[in-house]
Protein backbone atom coordinates (compact mmCIF):
# COMPACT_ATOMS: atom_id res chain seq x y z
CA MET A 1 11.97 -15.30 -40.26
CA LEU A 2 10.72 -15.28 -36.72
CA ARG A 3 13.52 -16.84 -36.15
CA LEU A 4 16.58 -14.87 -38.44
CA SER A 5 14.81 -11.91 -36.56
CA LEU A 6 15.67 -13.00 -33.23
CA LYS A 7 19.06 -14.46 -34.98
CA MET A 8 19.47 -10.29 -35.84
CA LEU A 9 18.27 -9.56 -32.67
CA PHE A 10 21.00 -10.60 -30.46
CA GLY A 11 23.69 -10.92 -32.85
CA ASP A 12 23.63 -6.57 -32.41
CA THR A 13 24.67 -7.36 -28.50
CA ALA A 14 24.86 -3.37 -27.14
CA LYS A 15 21.51 -2.19 -28.52
CA PHE A 16 19.84 -5.35 -27.38
CA LEU A 17 21.20 -5.01 -23.64
CA MET A 18 20.82 -0.77 -23.81
CA LEU A 19 16.78 -2.32 -25.30
CA VAL A 20 16.61 -4.48 -22.18
CA ALA A 21 18.03 -2.14 -19.72
CA GLY A 22 15.80 0.79 -20.41
CA LEU A 23 12.63 -1.90 -20.14
CA VAL A 24 14.05 -3.45 -16.45
CA PHE A 25 14.51 -0.04 -15.56
CA ALA A 26 10.95 0.88 -16.38
CA THR A 27 9.28 -2.26 -15.32
CA PHE A 28 10.89 -1.69 -11.38
CA LEU A 29 10.69 2.36 -11.55
CA MET A 30 6.99 1.55 -12.43
CA ALA A 31 6.19 -1.71 -10.43
CA GLN A 32 8.23 -0.51 -7.55
CA GLN A 33 6.98 3.15 -6.54
CA SER A 34 3.31 1.55 -7.44
CA ALA A 35 3.91 -0.66 -4.48
CA VAL A 36 5.14 1.27 -2.23
CA PHE A 37 2.33 3.92 -2.99
CA CYS A 38 0.17 0.90 -2.01
CA GLY A 39 1.93 -0.10 1.38
CA LEU A 40 2.17 3.76 2.37
CA MET A 41 -1.32 3.48 1.28
CA SER A 42 -2.40 0.33 3.52
CA TRP A 43 -1.06 2.11 6.24
CA THR A 44 -3.49 4.97 6.82
CA THR A 45 -5.67 1.57 7.50
CA ALA A 46 -3.79 0.33 9.56
CA THR A 47 -6.06 1.50 12.97
CA LEU A 48 -9.11 -0.47 11.24
CA LYS A 49 -6.97 -3.73 10.29
CA ASN A 50 -5.88 -3.91 14.32
CA VAL A 51 -9.27 -2.70 15.69
CA PRO A 52 -11.40 -5.06 13.09
CA ALA A 53 -15.07 -4.25 14.52
CA PRO A 54 -17.67 -4.88 11.91
CA ILE A 55 -19.05 -1.65 12.23
CA TRP A 56 -17.17 1.76 13.38
CA VAL A 57 -19.64 4.39 14.22
CA VAL A 58 -18.16 8.10 14.23
CA GLU A 59 -19.29 11.72 14.43
CA ALA A 60 -21.40 12.75 10.74
CA LYS A 61 -18.59 14.52 9.65
CA VAL A 62 -15.64 12.36 10.19
CA GLU A 63 -13.98 11.40 6.83
CA GLN A 64 -10.89 8.86 7.89
CA VAL A 65 -10.77 6.54 10.72
CA ASN A 66 -7.23 8.45 11.53
CA GLU A 67 -9.57 12.00 11.78
CA THR A 68 -11.34 12.28 15.21
CA ASN A 69 -14.28 14.28 16.41
CA PRO A 70 -15.03 13.23 19.56
CA LEU A 71 -18.60 12.20 20.91
CA LEU A 72 -20.13 12.35 23.75
CA ASP A 73 -19.69 9.09 26.10
CA THR A 74 -23.69 9.02 26.08
CA ASP A 75 -23.35 7.76 21.84
CA VAL A 76 -21.94 4.46 23.75
CA ALA A 77 -25.54 3.89 25.14
CA ARG A 78 -27.16 5.74 22.15
CA VAL A 79 -25.82 3.02 19.64
CA ARG A 80 -26.52 0.06 21.87
CA SER A 81 -30.31 1.09 21.89
CA VAL A 82 -30.32 0.10 17.82
CA ASP A 83 -32.46 -2.80 18.17
CA SER A 84 -30.21 -4.58 15.08
CA VAL A 85 -26.71 -4.50 16.64
CA ALA A 86 -26.09 -7.10 19.17
CA TRP A 87 -23.43 -4.85 21.52
CA ALA A 88 -21.32 -1.72 21.41
CA ALA A 89 -18.26 -0.92 23.20
CA PRO A 90 -16.74 2.81 23.44
CA ILE A 91 -12.88 3.10 21.23
CA TYR A 92 -9.74 5.95 22.41
CA SER A 93 -7.83 6.65 19.28
CA GLY A 94 -5.38 9.53 20.27
CA ILE A 95 -1.39 10.84 19.43
CA LEU A 96 0.48 10.82 22.78
CA ARG A 97 3.94 10.92 23.84
CA VAL A 98 5.68 8.74 26.22
CA ARG A 99 8.83 9.14 28.02
CA LEU A 100 11.85 6.74 28.27
CA GLY A 101 13.71 5.83 31.52
CA ASN A 102 16.52 7.66 29.79
CA GLY A 103 14.76 11.00 29.64
CA ASN A 104 14.34 10.48 25.68
CA PHE A 105 10.53 10.67 23.93
CA LYS A 106 8.27 8.82 21.55
CA ILE A 107 5.00 9.06 19.97
CA ILE A 108 2.46 6.30 20.25
CA GLN A 109 -0.97 5.45 18.58
CA LEU A 110 -2.70 5.09 22.06
CA MET A 111 -5.86 2.63 21.72
CA GLY A 112 -8.56 2.58 24.71
CA ILE A 113 -10.86 -0.22 24.74
CA ASP A 114 -14.22 -1.49 26.77
CA ALA A 115 -12.10 -3.45 30.39
CA THR A 116 -14.92 -6.24 30.21
CA THR A 117 -15.44 -7.32 26.91
CA PHE A 118 -12.14 -6.16 25.72
CA ALA A 119 -13.90 -5.65 22.30
CA GLY A 120 -11.05 -3.72 19.41
CA ALA A 121 -8.39 -5.61 21.35
CA PRO A 122 -5.37 -6.63 19.47
CA VAL A 123 -5.92 -9.66 16.88
CA LYS A 124 -2.55 -11.70 17.56
CA LEU A 125 -0.86 -11.74 20.77
CA LYS A 126 2.42 -13.00 20.63
CA GLU A 127 2.64 -12.85 24.29
CA GLY A 128 0.90 -12.20 26.99
CA ASP A 129 -2.78 -12.39 28.22
CA ILE A 130 -5.09 -9.87 27.21
CA ARG A 131 -7.09 -10.61 30.82
CA ASP A 132 -3.75 -9.25 32.27
CA LEU A 133 -4.91 -5.63 30.74
CA ARG A 134 -6.99 -5.79 33.83
CA LEU A 135 -3.79 -5.31 35.93
CA PRO A 136 -3.31 -1.94 37.23
CA HIS A 137 -1.18 0.62 34.71
CA ALA A 138 -0.85 -1.64 32.67
CA VAL A 139 -0.50 -1.56 28.56
CA ILE A 140 -0.18 -3.82 24.68
CA ILE A 141 2.77 -2.98 23.17
CA ASP A 142 2.86 -4.36 19.35
CA ASP A 143 5.89 -5.73 18.23
CA LEU A 144 7.31 -1.61 16.70
CA ALA A 145 7.03 -1.06 20.28
CA VAL A 146 9.15 -3.98 21.03
CA LYS A 147 11.77 -1.01 18.71
CA ARG A 148 11.11 1.85 18.91
CA LEU A 149 10.38 2.42 23.46
CA ALA A 150 13.94 0.54 24.17
CA GLU A 151 15.87 2.86 26.00
CA VAL A 152 19.23 1.59 24.35
CA LYS A 153 19.72 1.92 20.76
CA GLY A 154 19.60 -1.58 19.38
CA GLY A 155 17.99 -3.04 22.76
CA ALA A 156 14.04 -3.94 22.73
CA VAL A 157 10.94 -3.85 25.43
CA LYS A 158 10.44 -6.31 27.61
CA MET A 159 7.32 -7.90 29.61
CA GLY A 160 7.42 -6.19 32.57
CA ASP A 161 9.26 -3.16 31.14
CA MET A 162 7.87 -0.01 32.07
CA PHE A 163 7.38 3.74 30.67
CA GLU A 164 5.40 6.92 31.19
CA ILE A 165 2.83 8.44 29.43
CA ASN A 166 1.16 12.00 30.52
CA ASP A 167 4.08 11.46 33.44
CA GLN A 168 1.62 7.93 34.16
CA GLU A 169 3.28 4.92 34.91
CA ALA A 170 2.82 2.03 32.10
CA ARG A 171 3.42 -1.64 32.71
CA VAL A 172 3.67 -3.89 29.82
CA VAL A 173 1.74 -6.61 30.24
CA GLY A 174 1.52 -8.09 26.48
CA ILE A 175 2.55 -7.64 22.90
CA ALA A 176 0.92 -7.51 19.45
CA ASP A 177 1.81 -8.55 15.75
CA THR A 178 0.14 -4.89 14.61
CA VAL A 179 0.37 -3.43 11.84
CA GLN A 180 2.41 -0.20 11.17
CA SER A 181 0.37 2.95 11.18
CA PHE A 182 0.34 5.60 9.07
CA THR A 183 1.80 8.34 11.67
CA GLY A 184 4.53 5.26 12.29
CA GLY A 185 4.29 5.64 16.17
CA PRO A 186 3.93 2.33 17.89
CA TYR A 187 0.51 0.91 19.22
CA VAL A 188 -0.16 0.65 23.04
CA TRP A 189 -3.33 -0.45 24.19
CA THR A 190 -5.08 -0.23 27.76
CA THR A 191 -8.64 -0.17 28.97
CA TYR A 192 -10.30 3.08 27.99
CA GLU A 193 -11.03 4.79 31.53
CA ARG A 194 -7.06 4.82 32.01
CA ALA A 195 -6.60 5.82 28.44
CA LEU A 196 -8.57 9.02 29.85
CA GLN A 197 -6.14 8.94 32.51
CA TYR A 198 -3.75 8.59 30.56
CA ALA A 199 -4.95 11.61 27.97
CA PRO A 200 -4.81 14.81 28.36
CA PRO A 201 -7.91 16.17 29.48
CA GLN A 202 -10.92 17.32 27.30
CA ARG A 203 -15.11 17.82 27.61
CA LYS A 204 -16.03 15.47 25.02
CA MET A 205 -13.09 11.69 25.15
CA LEU A 206 -15.03 9.49 23.32
CA SER A 207 -12.99 8.27 19.79
CA ALA A 208 -16.03 6.29 17.93
CA VAL A 209 -18.05 3.30 18.45
CA ILE A 210 -17.50 -0.42 17.53
CA ALA A 211 -20.15 -2.16 17.54
CA ALA A 212 -21.52 -5.67 15.60
CA PRO A 213 -24.97 -7.07 14.21
CA ARG A 214 -27.49 -9.01 15.67
CA GLU A 215 -27.82 -12.44 13.87
CA GLY A 216 -29.61 -12.64 10.86
CA VAL A 217 -29.44 -8.40 10.62
CA THR A 218 -26.94 -7.76 7.34
CA GLU A 219 -23.67 -5.40 8.48
CA GLY A 220 -25.35 -3.13 5.83
CA GLN A 221 -28.82 -3.12 7.48
CA CYS A 222 -27.28 -2.34 10.89
CA ALA A 223 -25.23 0.39 10.11
CA ALA A 224 -27.54 1.97 8.23
CA ASP A 225 -30.60 1.54 10.90
CA ILE A 226 -27.69 3.38 12.86
CA GLN A 227 -27.33 6.27 11.21
CA LYS A 228 -30.84 6.45 11.00
CA GLU A 229 -32.08 6.43 14.63
CA THR A 230 -28.80 8.16 16.30
CA GLY A 231 -26.95 10.63 13.88
CA LEU A 232 -24.11 9.41 13.51
CA LYS A 233 -22.10 7.94 10.54
CA ALA A 234 -21.49 4.48 10.72
CA TYR A 235 -18.50 2.92 8.47
CA LEU A 236 -18.42 -0.88 7.58
CA ASN A 237 -14.92 -2.32 8.26
CA ARG A 238 -14.61 -5.06 5.21
CA GLY A 239 -11.77 -4.14 3.24
CA PHE A 240 -11.19 -1.28 -0.17
CA GLU A 241 -12.56 -3.65 -2.57
CA HIS A 242 -15.69 -3.27 -1.28
CA GLY A 243 -16.65 0.32 -1.94
CA GLU A 244 -18.19 3.83 -0.77
CA GLY A 245 -19.62 3.12 3.10
CA ASP A 246 -16.83 1.19 3.98
CA PHE A 247 -13.83 3.08 6.51
CA ASN A 248 -11.18 1.59 4.44
CA TYR A 249 -11.89 2.80 1.23
CA SER A 250 -13.32 6.45 2.31
CA THR A 251 -9.72 6.56 4.65
CA VAL A 252 -7.49 5.84 1.56
CA TRP A 253 -9.85 7.80 -0.59
CA TRP A 254 -9.08 10.74 1.86
CA TYR A 255 -5.82 10.49 1.09
CA VAL A 256 -5.68 10.50 -1.72
CA LYS A 257 -7.37 13.62 -2.27
CA ASN A 258 -6.25 16.48 0.04
CA THR A 259 -2.23 14.77 0.40
CA GLY A 260 0.20 15.51 -2.22
CA ILE A 261 0.99 11.50 -2.42
CA PRO A 262 -0.65 10.07 -5.13
CA PHE A 263 1.17 13.36 -7.08
CA SER A 264 4.70 12.35 -5.86
CA PHE A 265 4.38 8.49 -6.34
CA GLY A 266 2.19 9.54 -10.34
CA ILE A 267 5.09 11.57 -11.31
CA THR A 268 7.68 9.22 -10.12
CA VAL A 269 6.16 6.13 -12.17
CA VAL A 270 5.15 8.38 -15.19
CA ILE A 271 8.84 9.70 -15.16
CA GLY A 272 9.66 5.40 -15.49
CA PHE A 273 7.11 5.50 -18.54
CA ILE A 274 9.10 7.93 -20.32
CA VAL A 275 12.75 6.79 -20.00
CA GLY A 276 11.31 3.47 -20.60
CA MET A 277 10.21 4.93 -24.08
CA ALA A 278 12.57 7.20 -24.79
CA ILE A 279 15.37 4.75 -24.17
CA SER A 280 13.24 1.60 -26.57
CA CYS A 281 12.75 4.18 -29.53
CA GLN A 282 15.72 5.24 -29.49
CA THR A 283 17.66 2.34 -29.78
CA PHE A 284 14.96 -0.05 -31.64
CA TYR A 285 15.07 2.61 -34.07
CA SER A 286 19.05 3.12 -34.36
CA PHE A 287 18.69 -0.81 -34.50
CA VAL A 288 16.31 -0.69 -37.19
CA LEU A 289 18.56 1.29 -39.52
CA GLU A 290 21.52 -0.16 -39.48
CA ASN A 291 19.87 -2.85 -40.44
CA MET A 292 17.94 -1.42 -43.34
CA LYS A 293 20.01 -3.42 -45.83
CA HIS A 294 19.58 -7.03 -44.39
CA LEU A 295 15.25 -5.97 -44.20
CA GLY A 296 15.84 -4.22 -48.23
CA ALA A 297 17.15 -7.47 -48.96
CA LEU A 298 15.13 -10.15 -47.61
CA LYS A 299 12.49 -7.37 -49.18
CA ALA A 300 14.02 -7.96 -52.65
CA MET A 301 13.70 -11.35 -52.77
CA GLY A 302 10.27 -11.19 -52.22
CA ALA A 303 9.59 -10.90 -47.78
CA SER A 304 6.20 -8.95 -48.36
CA THR A 305 5.98 -5.82 -45.67
CA TRP A 306 3.80 -7.74 -43.39
CA THR A 307 6.25 -9.90 -42.38
CA LEU A 308 8.95 -7.52 -41.77
CA CYS A 309 6.62 -5.47 -40.00
CA LEU A 310 5.85 -9.23 -37.65
CA MET A 311 9.69 -9.48 -38.32
CA LEU A 312 10.32 -5.80 -35.83
CA LEU A 313 6.81 -6.96 -33.70
CA THR A 314 8.84 -10.25 -32.78
CA GLN A 315 11.73 -8.24 -31.53
CA ALA A 316 10.40 -5.26 -30.35
CA PHE A 317 8.02 -7.74 -27.58
CA THR A 318 11.13 -10.16 -27.35
CA VAL A 319 12.64 -7.32 -26.01
CA GLY A 320 10.00 -6.41 -23.84
CA PHE A 321 9.35 -9.60 -22.43
CA ILE A 322 12.95 -10.27 -21.44
CA GLY A 323 13.34 -6.73 -19.78
CA TYR A 324 9.17 -7.36 -18.15
CA GLY A 325 10.55 -10.08 -16.24
CA ILE A 326 14.45 -9.00 -15.56
CA GLY A 327 12.75 -5.85 -13.84
CA LEU A 328 10.04 -7.87 -12.20
CA PHE A 329 12.72 -10.08 -10.58
CA PHE A 330 14.58 -7.01 -9.38
CA THR A 331 11.03 -5.50 -7.84
CA ALA A 332 11.21 -9.09 -5.86
CA ARG A 333 14.48 -8.71 -4.65
CA PHE A 334 13.88 -5.17 -3.34
CA ALA A 335 10.48 -6.69 -1.66
CA ILE A 336 12.14 -9.00 0.33
CA PRO A 337 14.22 -6.30 3.09
CA ALA A 338 11.23 -3.26 3.00
CA LEU A 339 8.88 -6.68 4.06
CA LYS A 340 11.48 -7.81 6.57
CA ASN A 341 12.14 -4.15 8.11
CA GLU A 342 8.83 -2.93 7.28
CA GLN A 343 10.28 0.49 5.58
CA PRO A 344 9.83 1.60 3.24
CA PRO A 345 5.77 0.20 2.99
CA PHE A 346 5.49 -2.69 0.27
CA PHE A 347 2.01 -3.97 -0.86
CA MET A 348 1.63 -5.83 -4.42
CA PRO A 349 -2.21 -5.57 -5.10
CA GLU A 350 -2.18 -8.71 -7.52
CA ILE A 351 -3.35 -5.97 -10.74
CA VAL A 352 -0.04 -4.50 -10.10
CA PRO A 353 2.19 -6.66 -12.50
CA PRO A 354 -0.25 -7.04 -15.90
CA ALA A 355 -0.22 -3.40 -15.11
CA VAL A 356 2.83 -2.75 -15.50
CA PHE A 357 3.06 -5.56 -18.63
CA VAL A 358 0.17 -3.72 -20.32
CA VAL A 359 2.80 -1.03 -20.11
CA ILE A 360 5.78 -2.16 -20.87
CA LEU A 361 3.91 -4.00 -24.31
CA LEU A 362 2.33 -0.52 -24.56
CA ILE A 363 6.28 0.89 -25.08
CA CYS A 364 7.13 -2.17 -26.99
CA GLY A 365 4.74 -1.65 -29.36
CA LEU A 366 5.03 2.68 -29.96
CA SER A 367 8.92 1.77 -30.50
CA SER A 368 8.29 -0.99 -33.10
CA LEU A 369 6.07 1.84 -34.74
CA LEU A 370 9.30 3.84 -36.03
CA GLY A 371 10.86 1.13 -37.18
CA ILE A 372 7.71 -0.62 -39.40
CA TRP A 373 6.88 2.85 -40.55
CA ARG A 374 10.60 3.19 -42.07
CA VAL A 375 9.83 -0.86 -43.16
CA ALA A 376 7.27 0.09 -45.08
CA ARG A 377 8.77 3.27 -47.32
CA LEU A 378 11.86 1.08 -47.81
CA GLU A 379 12.14 0.27 -51.27
CA PRO A 380 14.30 -2.61 -51.95
CA ALA A 381 16.23 -1.33 -54.74
CA MET A 382 17.87 1.08 -52.92
CA VAL A 383 19.67 -1.81 -51.06
CA PHE A 384 21.47 -2.26 -54.01
CA ARG A 385 22.38 1.56 -55.02
CA GLY A 386 25.73 2.35 -54.70
């Protein structure tokens, strides 16, 4: 019977292709938009990935890493005085404009780090030596800045090239491999003292203090000690999955709660679900009606209602498997240029494919319900009338 149901399905080519097309569209839209949303959210925590300090200490009201409420310079010493802290270093983080040799202006994310320990330096350098950051006017740029800060379209910034930050010279001594920032501006590293010279002056300039616990002390305990003794907020930097108390988690949820990004992407995902549902339900019900005489004949020959329903479910879920596979294939094809060009952001957590698969099965199950309802009311004698 199941083999017969598949022959019936594949025999009606037009409706089979229409069913598959609807599920391919739904799969692609839900998977692709979910991955782009997750990629965009990963950009919001780019600074935490590019400055991988175990603990970030910020002003008590700060909720996400891109929100800076400056601290006093003496707060670095206060954090260092906590017994469970092994080391602490200042960080400056700010969005500034640079002027290129051709007069164009570009936005950058300026990071100022401790010149003695280089705590907060980029994780991976493609070119240059981190110690060259101590040279006059020295800066390290990321791989995005290589393209963005080029004076000629299609060109690239090279080691030794210069540009201006706040009318002051900056010379490239290194190129780092980094994660792109949410603001879209490339990262530029320099020493903390030089960053304060580049940035517009204000009474408080310290953006955050990064720290690490002593040996034998957990990061959580160290963060709790810092908060208790200084009154500042100490976040861990372990990853979104570690939940509350982690700066990644706090940053992502701040954007989820305070921006329209989740709503915009959520609407698109819901549209994908509705369109897939509408096409599948209408097409599958039409398919069942056209094959009603065959189903009635089978029922007249002794096939039970349960057997006929199982045939319909087999047809619906077969189309679901095929549509899901093709849709995921198109999503993967979309990801190749997205990952290569970093536009748009694309990051697919492991939970996305199985979650989309469950939704597709739900669509298939709901689509088959109309047919099952119709078959359950079928009287075999109706097939032979007229």
